[in-house]
Amino acid sequence: MHTTNQILDALAAKLGGVSDYRLAKVLNASGTATIGNWRHGRSSLSQDYALKVADLLGWHPEYVVACVERERAEKDARLEATGEILAVWDRIGAKFRPKVAAILIACALSVGVGIPERAQAATEAPYSALLGDQSIHYAK
């Protein structure tokens, strides 16, 4: 499952490597402090922001919400059954994760990235990690 930082990094990369300031503007967040709080774990993405991010990334909203809720549960010391709750979010995320990975692999194949050496990256990292220093150029 992706962490909040990985999700935000994937969105920033999709938007052309934008700053946290630009992410805040795109998400209609109250400012860079909000993004910083998410990145440093002082607060979590709300479900409505998770849905916005999923839409912008083109990921399943269920997957992004599961990632965010899993991370939130992991940090909540008041939960008595933390392990069980994390396992539930992992199972929910796993139902949608293969579809995210399949999209990443399809994108990698379309730009000629070698899948055997990058297959693990497709299941563990956002799309930007698949491309490394390569870029995509479109021509009419």
C-alpha atoms as a PDB file:
ATOM      1  CA  MET A   1       0.000   0.000   0.000  1.00  0.00           C
ATOM      2  CA  HIS A   2       1.142   3.531  -0.668  1.00  0.00           C
ATOM      3  CA  THR A   3       1.869   6.022   2.082  1.00  0.00           C
ATOM      4  CA  THR A   4       0.517   9.554   2.023  1.00  0.00           C
ATOM      5  CA  ASN A   5       3.925  10.840   0.933  1.00  0.00           C
ATOM      6  CA  GLN A   6       4.076   8.369  -1.942  1.00  0.00           C
ATOM      7  CA  ILE A   7       0.571   9.335  -3.020  1.00  0.00           C
ATOM      8  CA  LEU A   8       1.394  13.055  -2.880  1.00  0.00           C
ATOM      9  CA  ASP A   9       4.682  12.435  -4.725  1.00  0.00           C
ATOM     10  CA  ALA A  10       2.825  10.499  -7.431  1.00  0.00           C
ATOM     11  CA  LEU A  11       0.381  13.379  -7.836  1.00  0.00           C
ATOM     12  CA  ALA A  12       3.171  15.946  -7.950  1.00  0.00           C
ATOM     13  CA  ALA A  13       4.964  13.871 -10.596  1.00  0.00           C
ATOM     14  CA  LYS A  14       1.782  13.494 -12.644  1.00  0.00           C
ATOM     15  CA  LEU A  15       1.363  17.257 -12.557  1.00  0.00           C
ATOM     16  CA  GLY A  16       4.903  17.767 -13.829  1.00  0.00           C
ATOM     17  CA  GLY A  17       6.918  17.676 -10.626  1.00  0.00           C
ATOM     18  CA  VAL A  18       5.084  20.527  -8.954  1.00  0.00           C
ATOM     19  CA  SER A  19       5.824  21.917  -5.505  1.00  0.00           C
ATOM     20  CA  ASP A  20       3.740  21.444  -2.372  1.00  0.00           C
ATOM     21  CA  TYR A  21       2.495  24.996  -2.908  1.00  0.00           C
ATOM     22  CA  ARG A  22       1.099  23.992  -6.314  1.00  0.00           C
ATOM     23  CA  LEU A  23      -0.347  20.766  -4.852  1.00  0.00           C
ATOM     24  CA  ALA A  24      -2.188  22.873  -2.274  1.00  0.00           C
ATOM     25  CA  LYS A  25      -3.614  25.048  -5.050  1.00  0.00           C
ATOM     26  CA  VAL A  26      -4.662  22.074  -7.186  1.00  0.00           C
ATOM     27  CA  LEU A  27      -6.321  20.333  -4.240  1.00  0.00           C
ATOM     28  CA  ASN A  28      -7.917  23.539  -2.940  1.00  0.00           C
ATOM     29  CA  ALA A  29      -6.161  22.952   0.385  1.00  0.00           C
ATOM     30  CA  SER A  30      -5.774  25.865   2.777  1.00  0.00           C
ATOM     31  CA  GLY A  31      -2.054  26.178   2.052  1.00  0.00           C
ATOM     32  CA  THR A  32       1.339  24.518   2.057  1.00  0.00           C
ATOM     33  CA  ALA A  33       1.060  23.990   5.815  1.00  0.00           C
ATOM     34  CA  THR A  34      -1.758  21.527   5.139  1.00  0.00           C
ATOM     35  CA  ILE A  35       0.395  19.568   2.691  1.00  0.00           C
ATOM     36  CA  GLY A  36       3.307  19.724   5.154  1.00  0.00           C
ATOM     37  CA  ASN A  37       1.093  18.392   7.944  1.00  0.00           C
ATOM     38  CA  TRP A  38       0.055  15.476   5.722  1.00  0.00           C
ATOM     39  CA  ARG A  39       3.651  14.780   4.733  1.00  0.00           C
ATOM     40  CA  HIS A  40       4.951  14.843   8.318  1.00  0.00           C
ATOM     41  CA  GLY A  41       2.075  12.833   9.780  1.00  0.00           C
ATOM     42  CA  ARG A  42       0.672  15.629  11.919  1.00  0.00           C
ATOM     43  CA  SER A  43      -2.656  15.128  10.162  1.00  0.00           C
ATOM     44  CA  SER A  44      -4.077  12.782   7.550  1.00  0.00           C
ATOM     45  CA  LEU A  45      -5.781  13.291   4.241  1.00  0.00           C
ATOM     46  CA  SER A  46      -9.509  13.486   4.801  1.00  0.00           C
ATOM     47  CA  GLN A  47     -11.673  11.183   2.741  1.00  0.00           C
ATOM     48  CA  ASP A  48     -12.783  13.997   0.455  1.00  0.00           C
ATOM     49  CA  TYR A  49      -9.162  14.930  -0.287  1.00  0.00           C
ATOM     50  CA  ALA A  50      -8.363  11.242  -0.812  1.00  0.00           C
ATOM     51  CA  LEU A  51     -11.140  11.124  -3.421  1.00  0.00           C
ATOM     52  CA  LYS A  52      -9.799  14.259  -5.135  1.00  0.00           C
ATOM     53  CA  VAL A  53      -6.293  12.814  -5.237  1.00  0.00           C
ATOM     54  CA  ALA A  54      -7.565   9.473  -6.581  1.00  0.00           C
ATOM     55  CA  ASP A  55      -9.467  11.270  -9.326  1.00  0.00           C
ATOM     56  CA  LEU A  56      -6.458  13.361 -10.320  1.00  0.00           C
ATOM     57  CA  LEU A  57      -4.177  10.310 -10.332  1.00  0.00           C
ATOM     58  CA  GLY A  58      -6.693   8.124 -12.127  1.00  0.00           C
ATOM     59  CA  TRP A  59      -6.452   5.542  -9.326  1.00  0.00           C
ATOM     60  CA  HIS A  60      -9.343   3.671  -7.761  1.00  0.00           C
ATOM     61  CA  PRO A  61     -10.759   5.836  -4.965  1.00  0.00           C
ATOM     62  CA  GLU A  62     -11.220   2.733  -2.821  1.00  0.00           C
ATOM     63  CA  TYR A  63      -7.486   2.083  -2.969  1.00  0.00           C
ATOM     64  CA  VAL A  64      -6.476   5.623  -1.995  1.00  0.00           C
ATOM     65  CA  VAL A  65      -9.025   5.748   0.838  1.00  0.00           C
ATOM     66  CA  ALA A  66      -7.802   2.349   2.086  1.00  0.00           C
ATOM     67  CA  CYS A  67      -4.187   3.613   2.048  1.00  0.00           C
ATOM     68  CA  VAL A  68      -5.108   6.742   3.987  1.00  0.00           C
ATOM     69  CA  GLU A  69      -7.304   4.919   6.499  1.00  0.00           C
ATOM     70  CA  ARG A  70      -4.654   2.242   7.062  1.00  0.00           C
ATOM     71  CA  GLU A  71      -2.067   4.908   7.775  1.00  0.00           C
ATOM     72  CA  ARG A  72      -4.497   6.694  10.104  1.00  0.00           C
ATOM     73  CA  ALA A  73      -5.233   3.454  12.000  1.00  0.00           C
ATOM     74  CA  GLU A  74      -1.520   2.707  12.290  1.00  0.00           C
ATOM     75  CA  LYS A  75      -0.967   6.020  14.089  1.00  0.00           C
ATOM     76  CA  ASP A  76      -4.007   5.786  16.377  1.00  0.00           C
ATOM     77  CA  ALA A  77      -2.715   4.493  19.711  1.00  0.00           C
ATOM     78  CA  ARG A  78      -6.267   4.335  21.121  1.00  0.00           C
ATOM     79  CA  LEU A  79      -7.172   1.359  18.931  1.00  0.00           C
ATOM     80  CA  GLU A  80      -7.031  -1.909  20.833  1.00  0.00           C
ATOM     81  CA  ALA A  81      -7.153  -4.113  17.732  1.00  0.00           C
ATOM     82  CA  THR A  82      -4.660  -2.179  15.601  1.00  0.00           C
ATOM     83  CA  GLY A  83      -3.233  -5.305  13.960  1.00  0.00           C
ATOM     84  CA  GLU A  84      -6.664  -6.572  12.981  1.00  0.00           C
ATOM     85  CA  ILE A  85      -7.728  -3.170  11.669  1.00  0.00           C
ATOM     86  CA  LEU A  86      -4.537  -2.823   9.610  1.00  0.00           C
ATOM     87  CA  ALA A  87      -5.154  -6.277   8.158  1.00  0.00           C
ATOM     88  CA  VAL A  88      -8.682  -5.233   7.134  1.00  0.00           C
ATOM     89  CA  TRP A  89      -7.377  -2.131   5.331  1.00  0.00           C
ATOM     90  CA  ASP A  90      -4.638  -4.226   3.699  1.00  0.00           C
ATOM     91  CA  ARG A  91      -7.258  -6.654   2.366  1.00  0.00           C
ATOM     92  CA  ILE A  92      -9.423  -3.815   1.064  1.00  0.00           C
ATOM     93  CA  GLY A  93      -6.429  -2.153  -0.581  1.00  0.00           C
ATOM     94  CA  ALA A  94      -5.284  -5.456  -2.101  1.00  0.00           C
ATOM     95  CA  LYS A  95      -8.605  -5.800  -3.923  1.00  0.00           C
ATOM     96  CA  PHE A  96      -7.855  -2.618  -5.849  1.00  0.00           C
ATOM     97  CA  ARG A  97      -4.041  -2.638  -5.847  1.00  0.00           C
ATOM     98  CA  PRO A  98      -3.614  -5.153  -8.685  1.00  0.00           C
ATOM     99  CA  LYS A  99      -5.596  -2.846 -10.911  1.00  0.00           C
ATOM    100  CA  VAL A 100      -3.289   0.058 -10.026  1.00  0.00           C
ATOM    101  CA  ALA A 101      -0.242  -2.140 -10.701  1.00  0.00           C
ATOM    102  CA  ALA A 102      -1.722  -3.317 -14.012  1.00  0.00           C
ATOM    103  CA  ILE A 103      -2.185   0.275 -15.122  1.00  0.00           C
ATOM    104  CA  LEU A 104       1.403   1.052 -14.154  1.00  0.00           C
ATOM    105  CA  ILE A 105       2.725  -1.967 -16.052  1.00  0.00           C
ATOM    106  CA  ALA A 106       0.660  -1.090 -19.124  1.00  0.00           C
ATOM    107  CA  CYS A 107       2.026   2.455 -19.048  1.00  0.00           C
ATOM    108  CA  ALA A 108       5.563   1.138 -18.651  1.00  0.00           C
ATOM    109  CA  LEU A 109       5.125  -1.196 -21.605  1.00  0.00           C
ATOM    110  CA  SER A 110       3.822   1.634 -23.751  1.00  0.00           C
ATOM    111  CA  VAL A 111       7.027   3.624 -23.187  1.00  0.00           C
ATOM    112  CA  GLY A 112       9.348   0.635 -23.523  1.00  0.00           C
ATOM    113  CA  VAL A 113      10.443   0.231 -19.907  1.00  0.00           C
ATOM    114  CA  GLY A 114      11.810  -3.277 -19.276  1.00  0.00           C
ATOM    115  CA  ILE A 115       9.296  -5.000 -17.029  1.00  0.00           C
ATOM    116  CA  PRO A 116      11.446  -7.851 -15.638  1.00  0.00           C
ATOM    117  CA  GLU A 117      13.874  -5.509 -13.914  1.00  0.00           C
ATOM    118  CA  ARG A 118      11.141  -3.082 -12.921  1.00  0.00           C
ATOM    119  CA  ALA A 119       8.296  -5.431 -12.010  1.00  0.00           C
ATOM    120  CA  GLN A 120       8.859  -4.953  -8.287  1.00  0.00           C
ATOM    121  CA  ALA A 121       8.769  -1.173  -8.744  1.00  0.00           C
ATOM    122  CA  ALA A 122       5.340  -1.477 -10.358  1.00  0.00           C
ATOM    123  CA  THR A 123       3.925  -3.049  -7.244  1.00  0.00           C
ATOM    124  CA  GLU A 124       5.736  -0.910  -4.689  1.00  0.00           C
ATOM    125  CA  ALA A 125       6.220   2.578  -6.148  1.00  0.00           C
ATOM    126  CA  PRO A 126       4.187   5.201  -7.972  1.00  0.00           C
ATOM    127  CA  TYR A 127       4.272   5.449 -11.769  1.00  0.00           C
ATOM    128  CA  SER A 128       7.032   8.085 -11.706  1.00  0.00           C
ATOM    129  CA  ALA A 129       9.424   5.558 -10.181  1.00  0.00           C
ATOM    130  CA  LEU A 130       8.916   3.244 -13.164  1.00  0.00           C
ATOM    131  CA  LEU A 131      10.217   5.777 -15.615  1.00  0.00           C
ATOM    132  CA  GLY A 132      13.291   6.860 -13.676  1.00  0.00           C
ATOM    133  CA  ASP A 133      14.940   9.600 -15.695  1.00  0.00           C
ATOM    134  CA  GLN A 134      12.985   8.843 -18.875  1.00  0.00           C
ATOM    135  CA  SER A 135      10.279  11.157 -20.055  1.00  0.00           C
ATOM    136  CA  ILE A 136       7.215  10.766 -22.219  1.00  0.00           C
ATOM    137  CA  HIS A 137       6.766  12.921 -25.302  1.00  0.00           C
ATOM    138  CA  TYR A 138       3.621  13.057 -27.358  1.00  0.00           C
ATOM    139  CA  ALA A 139       3.481  14.095 -31.003  1.00  0.00           C
ATOM    140  CA  LYS A 140       0.482  14.890 -33.163  1.00  0.00           C
END
